[in-house]
Amino acid sequence: LRDLDEDAKRGRLYLPKEALAGAG
């Protein structure tokens, strides 16, 4: 959660797809 933007620069997104889908 802390490193969302830093990971994005490396092309990574660790948030689970179920959590994203649950938020639409």
mmCIF file of all heavy atoms, coordinates in Angstrom:
data_MODEL
# 
_entry.id   MODEL 
# 
loop_
_atom_site.group_PDB 
_atom_site.id 
_atom_site.type_symbol 
_atom_site.label_atom_id 
_atom_site.label_alt_id 
_atom_site.label_comp_id 
_atom_site.label_asym_id 
_atom_site.label_entity_id 
_atom_site.label_seq_id 
_atom_site.pdbx_PDB_ins_code 
_atom_site.Cartn_x 
_atom_site.Cartn_y 
_atom_site.Cartn_z 
_atom_site.occupancy 
_atom_site.B_iso_or_equiv 
_atom_site.pdbx_formal_charge 
_atom_site.auth_seq_id 
_atom_site.auth_comp_id 
_atom_site.auth_asym_id 
_atom_site.auth_atom_id 
_atom_site.pdbx_PDB_model_num 
ATOM 1   N N   . LEU A 1 1  ? 0.828   -1.210  0.000   1.00 0.00 ? 1  LEU A N   1 
ATOM 2   C CA  . LEU A 1 1  ? 0.000   0.000   0.000   1.00 0.00 ? 1  LEU A CA  1 
ATOM 3   C C   . LEU A 1 1  ? 0.862   1.261   0.000   1.00 0.00 ? 1  LEU A C   1 
ATOM 4   O O   . LEU A 1 1  ? 0.526   2.256   -0.640  1.00 0.00 ? 1  LEU A O   1 
ATOM 5   C CB  . LEU A 1 1  ? -0.932  -0.015  1.208   1.00 0.00 ? 1  LEU A CB  1 
ATOM 6   C CG  . LEU A 1 1  ? -2.031  -1.083  1.177   1.00 0.00 ? 1  LEU A CG  1 
ATOM 7   C CD1 . LEU A 1 1  ? -2.707  -1.190  2.546   1.00 0.00 ? 1  LEU A CD1 1 
ATOM 8   C CD2 . LEU A 1 1  ? -3.063  -0.775  0.094   1.00 0.00 ? 1  LEU A CD2 1 
ATOM 9   N N   . ARG A 1 2  ? 1.970   1.216   0.702   1.00 0.00 ? 2  ARG A N   1 
ATOM 10  C CA  . ARG A 1 2  ? 2.875   2.371   0.756   1.00 0.00 ? 2  ARG A CA  1 
ATOM 11  C C   . ARG A 1 2  ? 3.525   2.629   -0.592  1.00 0.00 ? 2  ARG A C   1 
ATOM 12  O O   . ARG A 1 2  ? 3.751   3.779   -0.981  1.00 0.00 ? 2  ARG A O   1 
ATOM 13  C CB  . ARG A 1 2  ? 3.962   2.105   1.805   1.00 0.00 ? 2  ARG A CB  1 
ATOM 14  C CG  . ARG A 1 2  ? 4.992   3.214   1.960   1.00 0.00 ? 2  ARG A CG  1 
ATOM 15  C CD  . ARG A 1 2  ? 6.209   2.724   2.722   1.00 0.00 ? 2  ARG A CD  1 
ATOM 16  N NE  . ARG A 1 2  ? 6.920   1.693   1.983   1.00 0.00 ? 2  ARG A NE  1 
ATOM 17  C CZ  . ARG A 1 2  ? 7.940   0.995   2.487   1.00 0.00 ? 2  ARG A CZ  1 
ATOM 18  N NH1 . ARG A 1 2  ? 8.351   1.185   3.725   1.00 0.00 ? 2  ARG A NH1 1 
ATOM 19  N NH2 . ARG A 1 2  ? 8.548   0.079   1.743   1.00 0.00 ? 2  ARG A NH2 1 
ATOM 20  N N   . ASP A 1 3  ? 3.842   1.559   -1.338  1.00 0.00 ? 3  ASP A N   1 
ATOM 21  C CA  . ASP A 1 3  ? 4.679   1.671   -2.530  1.00 0.00 ? 3  ASP A CA  1 
ATOM 22  C C   . ASP A 1 3  ? 3.889   1.604   -3.838  1.00 0.00 ? 3  ASP A C   1 
ATOM 23  O O   . ASP A 1 3  ? 4.457   1.258   -4.886  1.00 0.00 ? 3  ASP A O   1 
ATOM 24  C CB  . ASP A 1 3  ? 5.738   0.567   -2.520  1.00 0.00 ? 3  ASP A CB  1 
ATOM 25  C CG  . ASP A 1 3  ? 6.719   0.704   -1.367  1.00 0.00 ? 3  ASP A CG  1 
ATOM 26  O OD1 . ASP A 1 3  ? 6.871   1.832   -0.855  1.00 0.00 ? 3  ASP A OD1 1 
ATOM 27  O OD2 . ASP A 1 3  ? 7.324   -0.307  -0.985  1.00 0.00 ? 3  ASP A OD2 1 
ATOM 28  N N   . LEU A 1 4  ? 2.616   1.923   -3.816  1.00 0.00 ? 4  LEU A N   1 
ATOM 29  C CA  . LEU A 1 4  ? 1.802   1.823   -5.026  1.00 0.00 ? 4  LEU A CA  1 
ATOM 30  C C   . LEU A 1 4  ? 2.442   2.534   -6.217  1.00 0.00 ? 4  LEU A C   1 
ATOM 31  O O   . LEU A 1 4  ? 2.551   1.970   -7.317  1.00 0.00 ? 4  LEU A O   1 
ATOM 32  C CB  . LEU A 1 4  ? 0.410   2.419   -4.770  1.00 0.00 ? 4  LEU A CB  1 
ATOM 33  C CG  . LEU A 1 4  ? -0.555  1.613   -3.896  1.00 0.00 ? 4  LEU A CG  1 
ATOM 34  C CD1 . LEU A 1 4  ? -1.809  2.438   -3.635  1.00 0.00 ? 4  LEU A CD1 1 
ATOM 35  C CD2 . LEU A 1 4  ? -0.905  0.285   -4.549  1.00 0.00 ? 4  LEU A CD2 1 
ATOM 36  N N   . ASP A 1 5  ? 2.844   3.772   -6.023  1.00 0.00 ? 5  ASP A N   1 
ATOM 37  C CA  . ASP A 1 5  ? 3.375   4.562   -7.135  1.00 0.00 ? 5  ASP A CA  1 
ATOM 38  C C   . ASP A 1 5  ? 4.777   4.121   -7.534  1.00 0.00 ? 5  ASP A C   1 
ATOM 39  O O   . ASP A 1 5  ? 5.110   4.085   -8.725  1.00 0.00 ? 5  ASP A O   1 
ATOM 40  C CB  . ASP A 1 5  ? 3.351   6.049   -6.776  1.00 0.00 ? 5  ASP A CB  1 
ATOM 41  C CG  . ASP A 1 5  ? 1.937   6.561   -6.569  1.00 0.00 ? 5  ASP A CG  1 
ATOM 42  O OD1 . ASP A 1 5  ? 1.147   6.501   -7.516  1.00 0.00 ? 5  ASP A OD1 1 
ATOM 43  O OD2 . ASP A 1 5  ? 1.607   6.979   -5.447  1.00 0.00 ? 5  ASP A OD2 1 
ATOM 44  N N   . GLU A 1 6  ? 5.586   3.766   -6.556  1.00 0.00 ? 6  GLU A N   1 
ATOM 45  C CA  . GLU A 1 6  ? 6.936   3.288   -6.848  1.00 0.00 ? 6  GLU A CA  1 
ATOM 46  C C   . GLU A 1 6  ? 6.886   1.986   -7.644  1.00 0.00 ? 6  GLU A C   1 
ATOM 47  O O   . GLU A 1 6  ? 7.629   1.795   -8.619  1.00 0.00 ? 6  GLU A O   1 
ATOM 48  C CB  . GLU A 1 6  ? 7.699   3.083   -5.532  1.00 0.00 ? 6  GLU A CB  1 
ATOM 49  C CG  . GLU A 1 6  ? 9.145   2.668   -5.702  1.00 0.00 ? 6  GLU A CG  1 
ATOM 50  C CD  . GLU A 1 6  ? 9.849   2.541   -4.371  1.00 0.00 ? 6  GLU A CD  1 
ATOM 51  O OE1 . GLU A 1 6  ? 9.508   3.298   -3.435  1.00 0.00 ? 6  GLU A OE1 1 
ATOM 52  O OE2 . GLU A 1 6  ? 10.741  1.681   -4.262  1.00 0.00 ? 6  GLU A OE2 1 
ATOM 53  N N   . ASP A 1 7  ? 5.999   1.072   -7.244  1.00 0.00 ? 7  ASP A N   1 
ATOM 54  C CA  . ASP A 1 7  ? 5.865   -0.191  -7.966  1.00 0.00 ? 7  ASP A CA  1 
ATOM 55  C C   . ASP A 1 7  ? 5.317   0.040   -9.377  1.00 0.00 ? 7  ASP A C   1 
ATOM 56  O O   . ASP A 1 7  ? 5.707   -0.657  -10.325 1.00 0.00 ? 7  ASP A O   1 
ATOM 57  C CB  . ASP A 1 7  ? 4.948   -1.146  -7.200  1.00 0.00 ? 7  ASP A CB  1 
ATOM 58  C CG  . ASP A 1 7  ? 5.573   -1.641  -5.912  1.00 0.00 ? 7  ASP A CG  1 
ATOM 59  O OD1 . ASP A 1 7  ? 6.813   -1.733  -5.852  1.00 0.00 ? 7  ASP A OD1 1 
ATOM 60  O OD2 . ASP A 1 7  ? 4.828   -1.932  -4.956  1.00 0.00 ? 7  ASP A OD2 1 
ATOM 61  N N   . ALA A 1 8  ? 4.409   1.010   -9.512  1.00 0.00 ? 8  ALA A N   1 
ATOM 62  C CA  . ALA A 1 8  ? 3.836   1.300   -10.831 1.00 0.00 ? 8  ALA A CA  1 
ATOM 63  C C   . ALA A 1 8  ? 4.919   1.702   -11.829 1.00 0.00 ? 8  ALA A C   1 
ATOM 64  O O   . ALA A 1 8  ? 4.841   1.362   -13.018 1.00 0.00 ? 8  ALA A O   1 
ATOM 65  C CB  . ALA A 1 8  ? 2.779   2.394   -10.711 1.00 0.00 ? 8  ALA A CB  1 
ATOM 66  N N   . LYS A 1 9  ? 5.940   2.412   -11.370 1.00 0.00 ? 9  LYS A N   1 
ATOM 67  C CA  . LYS A 1 9  ? 7.033   2.820   -12.259 1.00 0.00 ? 9  LYS A CA  1 
ATOM 68  C C   . LYS A 1 9  ? 7.800   1.622   -12.797 1.00 0.00 ? 9  LYS A C   1 
ATOM 69  O O   . LYS A 1 9  ? 8.448   1.706   -13.842 1.00 0.00 ? 9  LYS A O   1 
ATOM 70  C CB  . LYS A 1 9  ? 7.982   3.760   -11.516 1.00 0.00 ? 9  LYS A CB  1 
ATOM 71  C CG  . LYS A 1 9  ? 7.362   5.109   -11.170 1.00 0.00 ? 9  LYS A CG  1 
ATOM 72  C CD  . LYS A 1 9  ? 8.312   5.963   -10.346 1.00 0.00 ? 9  LYS A CD  1 
ATOM 73  C CE  . LYS A 1 9  ? 7.669   7.278   -9.943  1.00 0.00 ? 9  LYS A CE  1 
ATOM 74  N NZ  . LYS A 1 9  ? 8.559   8.098   -9.072  1.00 0.00 ? 9  LYS A NZ  1 
ATOM 75  N N   . ARG A 1 10 ? 7.732   0.501   -12.063 1.00 0.00 ? 10 ARG A N   1 
ATOM 76  C CA  . ARG A 1 10 ? 8.374   -0.737  -12.528 1.00 0.00 ? 10 ARG A CA  1 
ATOM 77  C C   . ARG A 1 10 ? 7.394   -1.623  -13.295 1.00 0.00 ? 10 ARG A C   1 
ATOM 78  O O   . ARG A 1 10 ? 7.717   -2.762  -13.636 1.00 0.00 ? 10 ARG A O   1 
ATOM 79  C CB  . ARG A 1 10 ? 8.931   -1.523  -11.331 1.00 0.00 ? 10 ARG A CB  1 
ATOM 80  C CG  . ARG A 1 10 ? 10.080  -0.839  -10.594 1.00 0.00 ? 10 ARG A CG  1 
ATOM 81  C CD  . ARG A 1 10 ? 10.747  -1.810  -9.630  1.00 0.00 ? 10 ARG A CD  1 
ATOM 82  N NE  . ARG A 1 10 ? 11.960  -1.259  -9.061  1.00 0.00 ? 10 ARG A NE  1 
ATOM 83  C CZ  . ARG A 1 10 ? 12.054  -0.733  -7.854  1.00 0.00 ? 10 ARG A CZ  1 
ATOM 84  N NH1 . ARG A 1 10 ? 10.986  -0.696  -7.071  1.00 0.00 ? 10 ARG A NH1 1 
ATOM 85  N NH2 . ARG A 1 10 ? 13.201  -0.262  -7.414  1.00 0.00 ? 10 ARG A NH2 1 
ATOM 86  N N   . GLY A 1 11 ? 6.185   -1.108  -13.513 1.00 0.00 ? 11 GLY A N   1 
ATOM 87  C CA  . GLY A 1 11 ? 5.189   -1.888  -14.234 1.00 0.00 ? 11 GLY A CA  1 
ATOM 88  C C   . GLY A 1 11 ? 4.482   -2.914  -13.384 1.00 0.00 ? 11 GLY A C   1 
ATOM 89  O O   . GLY A 1 11 ? 3.937   -3.889  -13.907 1.00 0.00 ? 11 GLY A O   1 
ATOM 90  N N   . ARG A 1 12 ? 4.458   -2.710  -12.068 1.00 0.00 ? 12 ARG A N   1 
ATOM 91  C CA  . ARG A 1 12 ? 3.868   -3.677  -11.155 1.00 0.00 ? 12 ARG A CA  1 
ATOM 92  C C   . ARG A 1 12 ? 2.669   -3.086  -10.426 1.00 0.00 ? 12 ARG A C   1 
ATOM 93  O O   . ARG A 1 12 ? 2.662   -1.924  -10.055 1.00 0.00 ? 12 ARG A O   1 
ATOM 94  C CB  . ARG A 1 12 ? 4.906   -4.151  -10.127 1.00 0.00 ? 12 ARG A CB  1 
ATOM 95  C CG  . ARG A 1 12 ? 6.107   -4.855  -10.745 1.00 0.00 ? 12 ARG A CG  1 
ATOM 96  C CD  . ARG A 1 12 ? 7.198   -5.092  -9.722  1.00 0.00 ? 12 ARG A CD  1 
ATOM 97  N NE  . ARG A 1 12 ? 8.393   -5.679  -10.334 1.00 0.00 ? 12 ARG A NE  1 
ATOM 98  C CZ  . ARG A 1 12 ? 9.577   -5.756  -9.725  1.00 0.00 ? 12 ARG A CZ  1 
ATOM 99  N NH1 . ARG A 1 12 ? 9.719   -5.280  -8.491  1.00 0.00 ? 12 ARG A NH1 1 
ATOM 100 N NH2 . ARG A 1 12 ? 10.608  -6.304  -10.351 1.00 0.00 ? 12 ARG A NH2 1 
ATOM 101 N N   . LEU A 1 13 ? 1.688   -3.941  -10.204 1.00 0.00 ? 13 LEU A N   1 
ATOM 102 C CA  . LEU A 1 13 ? 0.508   -3.564  -9.439  1.00 0.00 ? 13 LEU A CA  1 
ATOM 103 C C   . LEU A 1 13 ? 0.105   -4.779  -8.617  1.00 0.00 ? 13 LEU A C   1 
ATOM 104 O O   . LEU A 1 13 ? -0.375  -5.773  -9.162  1.00 0.00 ? 13 LEU A O   1 
ATOM 105 C CB  . LEU A 1 13 ? -0.642  -3.145  -10.360 1.00 0.00 ? 13 LEU A CB  1 
ATOM 106 C CG  . LEU A 1 13 ? -1.974  -2.815  -9.673  1.00 0.00 ? 13 LEU A CG  1 
ATOM 107 C CD1 . LEU A 1 13 ? -1.839  -1.553  -8.818  1.00 0.00 ? 13 LEU A CD1 1 
ATOM 108 C CD2 . LEU A 1 13 ? -3.080  -2.645  -10.707 1.00 0.00 ? 13 LEU A CD2 1 
ATOM 109 N N   . TYR A 1 14 ? 0.330   -4.708  -7.320  1.00 0.00 ? 14 TYR A N   1 
ATOM 110 C CA  . TYR A 1 14 ? 0.113   -5.871  -6.465  1.00 0.00 ? 14 TYR A CA  1 
ATOM 111 C C   . TYR A 1 14 ? -1.312  -5.975  -5.919  1.00 0.00 ? 14 TYR A C   1 
ATOM 112 O O   . TYR A 1 14 ? -1.666  -6.993  -5.324  1.00 0.00 ? 14 TYR A O   1 
ATOM 113 C CB  . TYR A 1 14 ? 1.104   -5.856  -5.299  1.00 0.00 ? 14 TYR A CB  1 
ATOM 114 C CG  . TYR A 1 14 ? 2.545   -6.027  -5.716  1.00 0.00 ? 14 TYR A CG  1 
ATOM 115 C CD1 . TYR A 1 14 ? 3.395   -4.930  -5.831  1.00 0.00 ? 14 TYR A CD1 1 
ATOM 116 C CD2 . TYR A 1 14 ? 3.059   -7.280  -6.010  1.00 0.00 ? 14 TYR A CD2 1 
ATOM 117 C CE1 . TYR A 1 14 ? 4.719   -5.077  -6.218  1.00 0.00 ? 14 TYR A CE1 1 
ATOM 118 C CE2 . TYR A 1 14 ? 4.384   -7.442  -6.396  1.00 0.00 ? 14 TYR A CE2 1 
ATOM 119 C CZ  . TYR A 1 14 ? 5.211   -6.336  -6.496  1.00 0.00 ? 14 TYR A CZ  1 
ATOM 120 O OH  . TYR A 1 14 ? 6.520   -6.485  -6.886  1.00 0.00 ? 14 TYR A OH  1 
ATOM 121 N N   . LEU A 1 15 ? -2.132  -4.944  -6.079  1.00 0.00 ? 15 LEU A N   1 
ATOM 122 C CA  . LEU A 1 15 ? -3.496  -5.009  -5.569  1.00 0.00 ? 15 LEU A CA  1 
ATOM 123 C C   . LEU A 1 15 ? -4.231  -6.165  -6.247  1.00 0.00 ? 15 LEU A C   1 
ATOM 124 O O   . LEU A 1 15 ? -4.246  -6.256  -7.476  1.00 0.00 ? 15 LEU A O   1 
ATOM 125 C CB  . LEU A 1 15 ? -4.236  -3.699  -5.826  1.00 0.00 ? 15 LEU A CB  1 
ATOM 126 C CG  . LEU A 1 15 ? -3.671  -2.439  -5.163  1.00 0.00 ? 15 LEU A CG  1 
ATOM 127 C CD1 . LEU A 1 15 ? -4.507  -1.229  -5.559  1.00 0.00 ? 15 LEU A CD1 1 
ATOM 128 C CD2 . LEU A 1 15 ? -3.621  -2.593  -3.651  1.00 0.00 ? 15 LEU A CD2 1 
ATOM 129 N N   . PRO A 1 16 ? -4.865  -7.048  -5.479  1.00 0.00 ? 16 PRO A N   1 
ATOM 130 C CA  . PRO A 1 16 ? -5.541  -8.208  -6.081  1.00 0.00 ? 16 PRO A CA  1 
ATOM 131 C C   . PRO A 1 16 ? -6.694  -7.783  -6.989  1.00 0.00 ? 16 PRO A C   1 
ATOM 132 O O   . PRO A 1 16 ? -7.391  -6.794  -6.730  1.00 0.00 ? 16 PRO A O   1 
ATOM 133 C CB  . PRO A 1 16 ? -6.064  -8.986  -4.867  1.00 0.00 ? 16 PRO A CB  1 
ATOM 134 C CG  . PRO A 1 16 ? -5.202  -8.548  -3.736  1.00 0.00 ? 16 PRO A CG  1 
ATOM 135 C CD  . PRO A 1 16 ? -4.877  -7.108  -4.003  1.00 0.00 ? 16 PRO A CD  1 
ATOM 136 N N   . LYS A 1 17 ? -6.875  -8.546  -8.049  1.00 0.00 ? 17 LYS A N   1 
ATOM 137 C CA  . LYS A 1 17 ? -7.923  -8.209  -9.010  1.00 0.00 ? 17 LYS A CA  1 
ATOM 138 C C   . LYS A 1 17 ? -9.308  -8.274  -8.384  1.00 0.00 ? 17 LYS A C   1 
ATOM 139 O O   . LYS A 1 17 ? -10.206 -7.518  -8.768  1.00 0.00 ? 17 LYS A O   1 
ATOM 140 C CB  . LYS A 1 17 ? -7.844  -9.121  -10.229 1.00 0.00 ? 17 LYS A CB  1 
ATOM 141 C CG  . LYS A 1 17 ? -8.102  -10.592 -9.969  1.00 0.00 ? 17 LYS A CG  1 
ATOM 142 C CD  . LYS A 1 17 ? -7.985  -11.379 -11.268 1.00 0.00 ? 17 LYS A CD  1 
ATOM 143 C CE  . LYS A 1 17 ? -8.255  -12.867 -11.064 1.00 0.00 ? 17 LYS A CE  1 
ATOM 144 N NZ  . LYS A 1 17 ? -8.114  -13.633 -12.330 1.00 0.00 ? 17 LYS A NZ  1 
ATOM 145 N N   . GLU A 1 18 ? -9.492  -9.140  -7.377  1.00 0.00 ? 18 GLU A N   1 
ATOM 146 C CA  . GLU A 1 18 ? -10.787 -9.210  -6.704  1.00 0.00 ? 18 GLU A CA  1 
ATOM 147 C C   . GLU A 1 18 ? -11.085 -7.923  -5.940  1.00 0.00 ? 18 GLU A C   1 
ATOM 148 O O   . GLU A 1 18 ? -12.236 -7.478  -5.886  1.00 0.00 ? 18 GLU A O   1 
ATOM 149 C CB  . GLU A 1 18 ? -10.835 -10.407 -5.746  1.00 0.00 ? 18 GLU A CB  1 
ATOM 150 C CG  . GLU A 1 18 ? -10.795 -11.764 -6.420  1.00 0.00 ? 18 GLU A CG  1 
ATOM 151 C CD  . GLU A 1 18 ? -9.383  -12.303 -6.588  1.00 0.00 ? 18 GLU A CD  1 
ATOM 152 O OE1 . GLU A 1 18 ? -8.425  -11.497 -6.532  1.00 0.00 ? 18 GLU A OE1 1 
ATOM 153 O OE2 . GLU A 1 18 ? -9.238  -13.528 -6.777  1.00 0.00 ? 18 GLU A OE2 1 
ATOM 154 N N   . ALA A 1 19 ? -10.046 -7.318  -5.336  1.00 0.00 ? 19 ALA A N   1 
ATOM 155 C CA  . ALA A 1 19 ? -10.233 -6.055  -4.620  1.00 0.00 ? 19 ALA A CA  1 
ATOM 156 C C   . ALA A 1 19 ? -10.582 -4.943  -5.600  1.00 0.00 ? 19 ALA A C   1 
ATOM 157 O O   . ALA A 1 19 ? -11.429 -4.086  -5.312  1.00 0.00 ? 19 ALA A O   1 
ATOM 158 C CB  . ALA A 1 19 ? -8.979  -5.697  -3.831  1.00 0.00 ? 19 ALA A CB  1 
ATOM 159 N N   . LEU A 1 20 ? -9.921  -4.950  -6.760  1.00 0.00 ? 20 LEU A N   1 
ATOM 160 C CA  . LEU A 1 20 ? -10.227 -3.946  -7.780  1.00 0.00 ? 20 LEU A CA  1 
ATOM 161 C C   . LEU A 1 20 ? -11.648 -4.128  -8.306  1.00 0.00 ? 20 LEU A C   1 
ATOM 162 O O   . LEU A 1 20 ? -12.411 -3.160  -8.423  1.00 0.00 ? 20 LEU A O   1 
ATOM 163 C CB  . LEU A 1 20 ? -9.224  -4.039  -8.929  1.00 0.00 ? 20 LEU A CB  1 
ATOM 164 C CG  . LEU A 1 20 ? -7.766  -3.721  -8.587  1.00 0.00 ? 20 LEU A CG  1 
ATOM 165 C CD1 . LEU A 1 20 ? -6.871  -3.982  -9.793  1.00 0.00 ? 20 LEU A CD1 1 
ATOM 166 C CD2 . LEU A 1 20 ? -7.609  -2.275  -8.121  1.00 0.00 ? 20 LEU A CD2 1 
ATOM 167 N N   . ALA A 1 21 ? -12.018 -5.368  -8.598  1.00 0.00 ? 21 ALA A N   1 
ATOM 168 C CA  . ALA A 1 21 ? -13.356 -5.632  -9.126  1.00 0.00 ? 21 ALA A CA  1 
ATOM 169 C C   . ALA A 1 21 ? -14.423 -5.242  -8.112  1.00 0.00 ? 21 ALA A C   1 
ATOM 170 O O   . ALA A 1 21 ? -15.476 -4.700  -8.470  1.00 0.00 ? 21 ALA A O   1 
ATOM 171 C CB  . ALA A 1 21 ? -13.486 -7.107  -9.494  1.00 0.00 ? 21 ALA A CB  1 
ATOM 172 N N   . GLY A 1 22 ? -14.147 -5.498  -6.841  1.00 0.00 ? 22 GLY A N   1 
ATOM 173 C CA  . GLY A 1 22 ? -15.098 -5.141  -5.797  1.00 0.00 ? 22 GLY A CA  1 
ATOM 174 C C   . GLY A 1 22 ? -15.344 -3.648  -5.708  1.00 0.00 ? 22 GLY A C   1 
ATOM 175 O O   . GLY A 1 22 ? -16.398 -3.209  -5.247  1.00 0.00 ? 22 GLY A O   1 
ATOM 176 N N   . ALA A 1 23 ? -14.359 -2.873  -6.166  1.00 0.00 ? 23 ALA A N   1 
ATOM 177 C CA  . ALA A 1 23 ? -14.495 -1.417  -6.170  1.00 0.00 ? 23 ALA A CA  1 
ATOM 178 C C   . ALA A 1 23 ? -14.959 -0.900  -7.533  1.00 0.00 ? 23 ALA A C   1 
ATOM 179 O O   . ALA A 1 23 ? -15.045 0.311   -7.738  1.00 0.00 ? 23 ALA A O   1 
ATOM 180 C CB  . ALA A 1 23 ? -13.161 -0.770  -5.796  1.00 0.00 ? 23 ALA A CB  1 
ATOM 181 N N   . GLY A 1 24 ? -15.235 -1.832  -8.440  1.00 0.00 ? 24 GLY A N   1 
ATOM 182 C CA  . GLY A 1 24 ? -15.687 -1.422  -9.767  1.00 0.00 ? 24 GLY A CA  1 
ATOM 183 C C   . GLY A 1 24 ? -14.593 -0.849  -10.637 1.00 0.00 ? 24 GLY A C   1 
ATOM 184 O O   . GLY A 1 24 ? -14.858 -0.032  -11.527 1.00 0.00 ? 24 GLY A O   1 
# 
